[in-house]
Amino acid sequence: MVNLSDGEWKIMNRLWESRGSTITELTVDLQHETGWDKHIIITMLNRMEKKGAIAYIKEGRAKVFYPIVSRSEVSMQETWGFLKKVYRGSLGMMVNAMVEDKALSGEEIQELYDILERAKDKKHEGE
């Protein structure tokens, strides 16, 4: 299981989009958004490599870093971790909190209905 910090998510998103980047490329890509220099990027890449999220290949003098976990895999782990931590694992509690806070637009409510209908159809297919 790979848990990423907010900063590591920024790097992973760049790596998933690019299919691999050098330290220089990541520094240039993230400089405006984060203000990070190459030393911060290197530290974070080392940490992410130890977590098993990324690897690299040598291309000349440069290392090209690439993800070894999929976005969907890490996203699902993060989602379940958040749900367990904040809502004791209850999806219903989370949705209810959003409804009570009036945080859902009509479009989002319709999207939830559609998702639940697809889930219901898939469940019936499996029976």
N, C-alpha and C. Protein backbone atom coordinates (compact mmCIF):
# COMPACT_ATOMS: atom_id res chain seq x y z
N MET A 1 0.85 -1.18 0.00
CA MET A 1 0.00 0.00 0.00
C MET A 1 0.89 1.25 0.00
N VAL A 2 0.60 2.18 -0.89
CA VAL A 2 1.39 3.39 -1.03
C VAL A 2 0.56 4.58 -0.57
N ASN A 3 1.03 5.26 0.46
CA ASN A 3 0.39 6.49 0.93
C ASN A 3 1.24 7.66 0.48
N LEU A 4 0.61 8.62 -0.18
CA LEU A 4 1.33 9.77 -0.71
C LEU A 4 0.96 11.04 0.04
N SER A 5 1.96 11.89 0.27
CA SER A 5 1.69 13.22 0.84
C SER A 5 1.12 14.10 -0.27
N ASP A 6 0.64 15.27 0.08
CA ASP A 6 0.11 16.20 -0.93
C ASP A 6 1.16 16.55 -1.97
N GLY A 7 2.38 16.80 -1.53
CA GLY A 7 3.45 17.11 -2.47
C GLY A 7 3.77 15.95 -3.38
N GLU A 8 3.78 14.75 -2.83
CA GLU A 8 4.05 13.57 -3.63
C GLU A 8 2.97 13.36 -4.69
N TRP A 9 1.74 13.71 -4.35
CA TRP A 9 0.64 13.64 -5.34
C TRP A 9 0.94 14.54 -6.53
N LYS A 10 1.46 15.73 -6.26
CA LYS A 10 1.80 16.66 -7.35
C LYS A 10 2.81 16.03 -8.30
N ILE A 11 3.83 15.40 -7.74
CA ILE A 11 4.85 14.75 -8.56
C ILE A 11 4.26 13.55 -9.30
N MET A 12 3.50 12.74 -8.59
CA MET A 12 2.92 11.55 -9.23
C MET A 12 2.00 11.94 -10.38
N ASN A 13 1.21 12.99 -10.20
CA ASN A 13 0.33 13.41 -11.29
C ASN A 13 1.15 13.79 -12.52
N ARG A 14 2.28 14.47 -12.33
CA ARG A 14 3.15 14.81 -13.46
C ARG A 14 3.72 13.55 -14.11
N LEU A 15 4.13 12.59 -13.28
CA LEU A 15 4.70 11.35 -13.82
C LEU A 15 3.65 10.52 -14.56
N TRP A 16 2.43 10.45 -14.03
CA TRP A 16 1.38 9.72 -14.73
C TRP A 16 1.06 10.38 -16.08
N GLU A 17 1.07 11.70 -16.10
CA GLU A 17 0.76 12.42 -17.34
C GLU A 17 1.88 12.29 -18.37
N SER A 18 3.12 12.29 -17.91
CA SER A 18 4.26 12.32 -18.84
C SER A 18 4.80 10.95 -19.17
N ARG A 19 4.47 9.96 -18.39
CA ARG A 19 5.03 8.61 -18.54
C ARG A 19 6.52 8.57 -18.24
N GLY A 20 7.01 9.56 -17.49
CA GLY A 20 8.40 9.59 -17.08
C GLY A 20 8.99 10.97 -17.25
N SER A 21 9.75 11.40 -16.24
CA SER A 21 10.36 12.73 -16.27
C SER A 21 11.69 12.71 -15.53
N THR A 22 12.56 13.61 -15.92
CA THR A 22 13.82 13.80 -15.22
C THR A 22 13.60 14.78 -14.06
N ILE A 23 14.60 14.89 -13.20
CA ILE A 23 14.54 15.84 -12.10
C ILE A 23 14.40 17.26 -12.64
N THR A 24 15.16 17.57 -13.68
CA THR A 24 15.09 18.90 -14.28
C THR A 24 13.70 19.20 -14.82
N GLU A 25 13.11 18.24 -15.53
CA GLU A 25 11.77 18.43 -16.08
C GLU A 25 10.74 18.64 -14.98
N LEU A 26 10.83 17.84 -13.92
CA LEU A 26 9.89 17.99 -12.80
C LEU A 26 10.07 19.35 -12.11
N THR A 27 11.32 19.77 -11.94
CA THR A 27 11.58 21.05 -11.30
C THR A 27 10.97 22.19 -12.11
N VAL A 28 11.17 22.17 -13.42
CA VAL A 28 10.61 23.20 -14.29
C VAL A 28 9.07 23.15 -14.26
N ASP A 29 8.51 21.94 -14.37
CA ASP A 29 7.05 21.78 -14.38
C ASP A 29 6.39 22.28 -13.10
N LEU A 30 7.05 22.04 -11.96
CA LEU A 30 6.43 22.33 -10.66
C LEU A 30 6.87 23.66 -10.04
N GLN A 31 7.88 24.28 -10.59
CA GLN A 31 8.46 25.50 -10.01
C GLN A 31 7.41 26.59 -9.78
N HIS A 32 6.63 26.90 -10.78
CA HIS A 32 5.66 27.99 -10.66
C HIS A 32 4.58 27.67 -9.62
N GLU A 33 4.10 26.44 -9.65
CA GLU A 33 3.02 26.02 -8.74
C GLU A 33 3.48 25.88 -7.29
N THR A 34 4.71 25.37 -7.09
CA THR A 34 5.14 25.02 -5.74
C THR A 34 6.31 25.85 -5.21
N GLY A 35 7.14 26.36 -6.10
CA GLY A 35 8.34 27.06 -5.68
C GLY A 35 9.47 26.12 -5.28
N TRP A 36 9.31 24.82 -5.52
CA TRP A 36 10.32 23.84 -5.13
C TRP A 36 11.56 23.94 -6.01
N ASP A 37 12.73 23.77 -5.38
CA ASP A 37 13.96 23.66 -6.16
C ASP A 37 14.27 22.18 -6.37
N LYS A 38 15.34 21.91 -7.10
CA LYS A 38 15.65 20.52 -7.45
C LYS A 38 15.97 19.67 -6.23
N HIS A 39 16.49 20.28 -5.16
CA HIS A 39 16.83 19.51 -3.96
C HIS A 39 15.58 18.98 -3.27
N ILE A 40 14.53 19.77 -3.27
CA ILE A 40 13.26 19.30 -2.70
C ILE A 40 12.69 18.17 -3.55
N ILE A 41 12.75 18.34 -4.87
CA ILE A 41 12.26 17.30 -5.79
C ILE A 41 13.04 16.01 -5.58
N ILE A 42 14.36 16.11 -5.47
CA ILE A 42 15.20 14.92 -5.26
C ILE A 42 14.82 14.21 -3.97
N THR A 43 14.65 14.97 -2.89
CA THR A 43 14.27 14.39 -1.60
C THR A 43 12.93 13.66 -1.71
N MET A 44 11.97 14.29 -2.37
CA MET A 44 10.65 13.67 -2.50
C MET A 44 10.71 12.44 -3.39
N LEU A 45 11.47 12.49 -4.47
CA LEU A 45 11.62 11.32 -5.35
C LEU A 45 12.25 10.15 -4.60
N ASN A 46 13.26 10.44 -3.79
CA ASN A 46 13.89 9.37 -2.99
C ASN A 46 12.88 8.74 -2.04
N ARG A 47 12.09 9.57 -1.40
CA ARG A 47 11.07 9.07 -0.48
C ARG A 47 10.03 8.22 -1.22
N MET A 48 9.62 8.69 -2.39
CA MET A 48 8.61 7.97 -3.18
C MET A 48 9.16 6.64 -3.71
N GLU A 49 10.45 6.63 -4.02
CA GLU A 49 11.08 5.39 -4.47
C GLU A 49 11.09 4.36 -3.34
N LYS A 50 11.40 4.81 -2.13
CA LYS A 50 11.41 3.91 -0.97
C LYS A 50 10.01 3.37 -0.67
N LYS A 51 9.00 4.17 -0.96
CA LYS A 51 7.60 3.73 -0.74
C LYS A 51 7.13 2.75 -1.81
N GLY A 52 7.90 2.62 -2.88
CA GLY A 52 7.51 1.71 -3.96
C GLY A 52 6.54 2.33 -4.95
N ALA A 53 6.50 3.66 -5.02
CA ALA A 53 5.60 4.34 -5.94
C ALA A 53 6.23 4.61 -7.30
N ILE A 54 7.56 4.78 -7.32
CA ILE A 54 8.27 5.13 -8.55
C ILE A 54 9.55 4.33 -8.68
N ALA A 55 10.09 4.35 -9.88
CA ALA A 55 11.41 3.79 -10.16
C ALA A 55 12.04 4.70 -11.20
N TYR A 56 13.26 4.38 -11.59
CA TYR A 56 13.91 5.19 -12.63
C TYR A 56 14.78 4.32 -13.50
N ILE A 57 15.05 4.86 -14.69
CA ILE A 57 16.03 4.27 -15.58
C ILE A 57 17.05 5.36 -15.89
N LYS A 58 18.28 4.94 -16.14
CA LYS A 58 19.33 5.90 -16.49
C LYS A 58 19.31 6.11 -17.99
N GLU A 59 19.28 7.37 -18.38
CA GLU A 59 19.40 7.75 -19.79
C GLU A 59 20.55 8.75 -19.86
N GLY A 60 21.72 8.24 -20.20
CA GLY A 60 22.91 9.09 -20.15
C GLY A 60 23.23 9.42 -18.70
N ARG A 61 23.37 10.70 -18.43
CA ARG A 61 23.65 11.14 -17.05
C ARG A 61 22.38 11.36 -16.25
N ALA A 62 21.24 11.40 -16.91
CA ALA A 62 19.98 11.71 -16.24
C ALA A 62 19.24 10.44 -15.82
N LYS A 63 18.48 10.57 -14.75
CA LYS A 63 17.56 9.51 -14.34
C LYS A 63 16.17 9.93 -14.81
N VAL A 64 15.47 9.00 -15.43
CA VAL A 64 14.09 9.25 -15.85
C VAL A 64 13.20 8.48 -14.88
N PHE A 65 12.44 9.21 -14.10
CA PHE A 65 11.55 8.62 -13.10
C PHE A 65 10.20 8.33 -13.72
N TYR A 66 9.62 7.20 -13.32
CA TYR A 66 8.31 6.82 -13.83
C TYR A 66 7.52 6.11 -12.73
N PRO A 67 6.20 6.17 -12.82
CA PRO A 67 5.38 5.53 -11.79
C PRO A 67 5.37 4.02 -11.95
N ILE A 68 5.35 3.32 -10.83
CA ILE A 68 5.20 1.86 -10.88
C ILE A 68 3.91 1.42 -10.19
N VAL A 69 3.11 2.39 -9.82
CA VAL A 69 1.74 2.14 -9.32
C VAL A 69 0.80 2.96 -10.19
N SER A 70 -0.38 2.44 -10.39
CA SER A 70 -1.35 3.16 -11.24
C SER A 70 -2.08 4.22 -10.43
N ARG A 71 -2.55 5.22 -11.15
CA ARG A 71 -3.34 6.28 -10.52
C ARG A 71 -4.58 5.69 -9.85
N SER A 72 -5.25 4.77 -10.52
CA SER A 72 -6.49 4.22 -9.96
C SER A 72 -6.22 3.42 -8.68
N GLU A 73 -5.10 2.69 -8.66
CA GLU A 73 -4.74 1.92 -7.46
C GLU A 73 -4.51 2.83 -6.26
N VAL A 74 -3.72 3.87 -6.45
CA VAL A 74 -3.39 4.79 -5.35
C VAL A 74 -4.63 5.60 -4.97
N SER A 75 -5.41 6.02 -5.95
CA SER A 75 -6.63 6.79 -5.67
C SER A 75 -7.60 5.98 -4.82
N MET A 76 -7.77 4.71 -5.15
CA MET A 76 -8.69 3.87 -4.39
C MET A 76 -8.20 3.69 -2.96
N GLN A 77 -6.89 3.48 -2.78
CA GLN A 77 -6.33 3.35 -1.43
C GLN A 77 -6.55 4.62 -0.63
N GLU A 78 -6.31 5.76 -1.25
CA GLU A 78 -6.49 7.05 -0.58
C GLU A 78 -7.96 7.27 -0.23
N THR A 79 -8.85 6.91 -1.15
CA THR A 79 -10.28 7.10 -0.92
C THR A 79 -10.75 6.28 0.28
N TRP A 80 -10.37 5.00 0.31
CA TRP A 80 -10.79 4.15 1.43
C TRP A 80 -10.15 4.62 2.73
N GLY A 81 -8.89 5.06 2.67
CA GLY A 81 -8.23 5.57 3.86
C GLY A 81 -8.94 6.80 4.41
N PHE A 82 -9.31 7.72 3.52
CA PHE A 82 -10.05 8.92 3.92
C PHE A 82 -11.40 8.54 4.51
N LEU A 83 -12.11 7.65 3.84
CA LEU A 83 -13.44 7.24 4.30
C LEU A 83 -13.36 6.61 5.70
N LYS A 84 -12.36 5.75 5.92
CA LYS A 84 -12.19 5.10 7.22
C LYS A 84 -11.82 6.11 8.30
N LYS A 85 -10.90 7.02 7.96
CA LYS A 85 -10.41 7.98 8.94
C LYS A 85 -11.48 9.00 9.33
N VAL A 86 -12.17 9.54 8.35
CA VAL A 86 -13.09 10.65 8.61
C VAL A 86 -14.51 10.19 8.89
N TYR A 87 -14.97 9.15 8.19
CA TYR A 87 -16.37 8.73 8.31
C TYR A 87 -16.53 7.31 8.81
N ARG A 88 -15.51 6.81 9.51
CA ARG A 88 -15.54 5.46 10.08
C ARG A 88 -15.91 4.40 9.05
N GLY A 89 -15.52 4.64 7.80
CA GLY A 89 -15.74 3.68 6.73
C GLY A 89 -17.13 3.73 6.11
N SER A 90 -17.93 4.69 6.50
CA SER A 90 -19.31 4.76 6.02
C SER A 90 -19.45 5.74 4.85
N LEU A 91 -19.71 5.21 3.68
CA LEU A 91 -19.96 6.04 2.51
C LEU A 91 -21.25 6.84 2.71
N GLY A 92 -22.24 6.21 3.32
CA GLY A 92 -23.51 6.89 3.60
C GLY A 92 -23.32 8.11 4.49
N MET A 93 -22.47 7.99 5.51
CA MET A 93 -22.20 9.14 6.39
C MET A 93 -21.57 10.29 5.62
N MET A 94 -20.67 9.96 4.69
CA MET A 94 -20.01 11.00 3.91
C MET A 94 -21.01 11.72 3.01
N VAL A 95 -21.82 10.95 2.29
CA VAL A 95 -22.80 11.56 1.39
C VAL A 95 -23.80 12.38 2.20
N ASN A 96 -24.24 11.85 3.33
CA ASN A 96 -25.18 12.59 4.18
C ASN A 96 -24.58 13.90 4.66
N ALA A 97 -23.29 13.89 5.02
CA ALA A 97 -22.63 15.13 5.45
C ALA A 97 -22.63 16.16 4.33
N MET A 98 -22.43 15.71 3.11
CA MET A 98 -22.43 16.63 1.97
C MET A 98 -23.84 17.16 1.69
N VAL A 99 -24.83 16.30 1.86
CA VAL A 99 -26.22 16.73 1.66
C VAL A 99 -26.60 17.75 2.73
N GLU A 100 -26.25 17.46 3.98
CA GLU A 100 -26.57 18.36 5.08
C GLU A 100 -25.89 19.72 4.92
N ASP A 101 -24.70 19.71 4.34
CA ASP A 101 -23.94 20.94 4.13
C ASP A 101 -24.35 21.66 2.83
N LYS A 102 -25.31 21.04 2.11
CA LYS A 102 -25.77 21.57 0.82
C LYS A 102 -24.61 21.74 -0.16
N ALA A 103 -23.67 20.78 -0.10
CA ALA A 103 -22.47 20.85 -0.92
C ALA A 103 -22.64 20.21 -2.29
N LEU A 104 -23.81 19.60 -2.55
CA LEU A 104 -24.03 18.90 -3.81
C LEU A 104 -24.94 19.73 -4.73
N SER A 105 -24.49 19.91 -5.97
CA SER A 105 -25.33 20.59 -6.95
C SER A 105 -26.34 19.59 -7.52
N GLY A 106 -27.31 20.09 -8.22
CA GLY A 106 -28.28 19.22 -8.87
C GLY A 106 -27.61 18.26 -9.83
N GLU A 107 -26.61 18.76 -10.53
CA GLU A 107 -25.87 17.92 -11.48
C GLU A 107 -25.13 16.81 -10.75
N GLU A 108 -24.53 17.12 -9.61
CA GLU A 108 -23.81 16.10 -8.84
C GLU A 108 -24.77 15.07 -8.25
N ILE A 109 -25.93 15.51 -7.84
CA ILE A 109 -26.94 14.57 -7.32
C ILE A 109 -27.36 13.61 -8.43
N GLN A 110 -27.59 14.12 -9.64
CA GLN A 110 -27.95 13.27 -10.76
C GLN A 110 -26.83 12.29 -11.07
N GLU A 111 -25.59 12.77 -11.00
CA GLU A 111 -24.44 11.91 -11.24
C GLU A 111 -24.40 10.76 -10.22
N LEU A 112 -24.69 11.07 -8.96
CA LEU A 112 -24.73 10.02 -7.94
C LEU A 112 -25.84 9.01 -8.22
N TYR A 113 -27.02 9.50 -8.64
CA TYR A 113 -28.10 8.59 -9.02
C TYR A 113 -27.65 7.65 -10.14
N ASP A 114 -27.01 8.21 -11.15
CA ASP A 114 -26.54 7.41 -12.29
C ASP A 114 -25.52 6.36 -11.86
N ILE A 115 -24.60 6.76 -10.98
CA ILE A 115 -23.59 5.83 -10.48
C ILE A 115 -24.26 4.69 -9.71
N LEU A 116 -25.22 5.03 -8.87
CA LEU A 116 -25.92 4.01 -8.09
C LEU A 116 -26.74 3.08 -8.97
N GLU A 117 -27.32 3.61 -10.02
CA GLU A 117 -28.08 2.77 -10.97
C GLU A 117 -27.14 1.78 -11.65
N ARG A 118 -25.96 2.25 -12.08
CA ARG A 118 -24.99 1.35 -12.71
C ARG A 118 -24.54 0.27 -11.73
N ALA A 119 -24.33 0.65 -10.47
CA ALA A 119 -23.92 -0.31 -9.45
C ALA A 119 -25.02 -1.35 -9.23
N LYS A 120 -26.25 -0.89 -9.22
CA LYS A 120 -27.40 -1.79 -9.04
C LYS A 120 -27.48 -2.77 -10.21
N ASP A 121 -27.30 -2.26 -11.42
CA ASP A 121 -27.35 -3.12 -12.62
C ASP A 121 -26.22 -4.15 -12.59
N LYS A 122 -25.03 -3.74 -12.20
CA LYS A 122 -23.90 -4.67 -12.12
C LYS A 122 -24.14 -5.75 -11.08
N LYS A 123 -24.74 -5.36 -9.97
CA LYS A 123 -25.04 -6.32 -8.90
C LYS A 123 -26.04 -7.37 -9.40
N HIS A 124 -27.05 -6.93 -10.13
CA HIS A 124 -28.05 -7.85 -10.67
C HIS A 124 -27.45 -8.76 -11.73
N GLU A 125 -26.48 -8.27 -12.51
CA GLU A 125 -25.81 -9.10 -13.51
C GLU A 125 -25.04 -10.24 -12.85
N GLY A 126 -24.47 -9.97 -11.69
CA GLY A 126 -23.65 -10.96 -10.99
C GLY A 126 -24.45 -12.00 -10.24
N GLU A 127 -25.74 -11.78 -10.08
CA GLU A 127 -26.57 -12.73 -9.30
C GLU A 127 -27.08 -13.86 -10.15
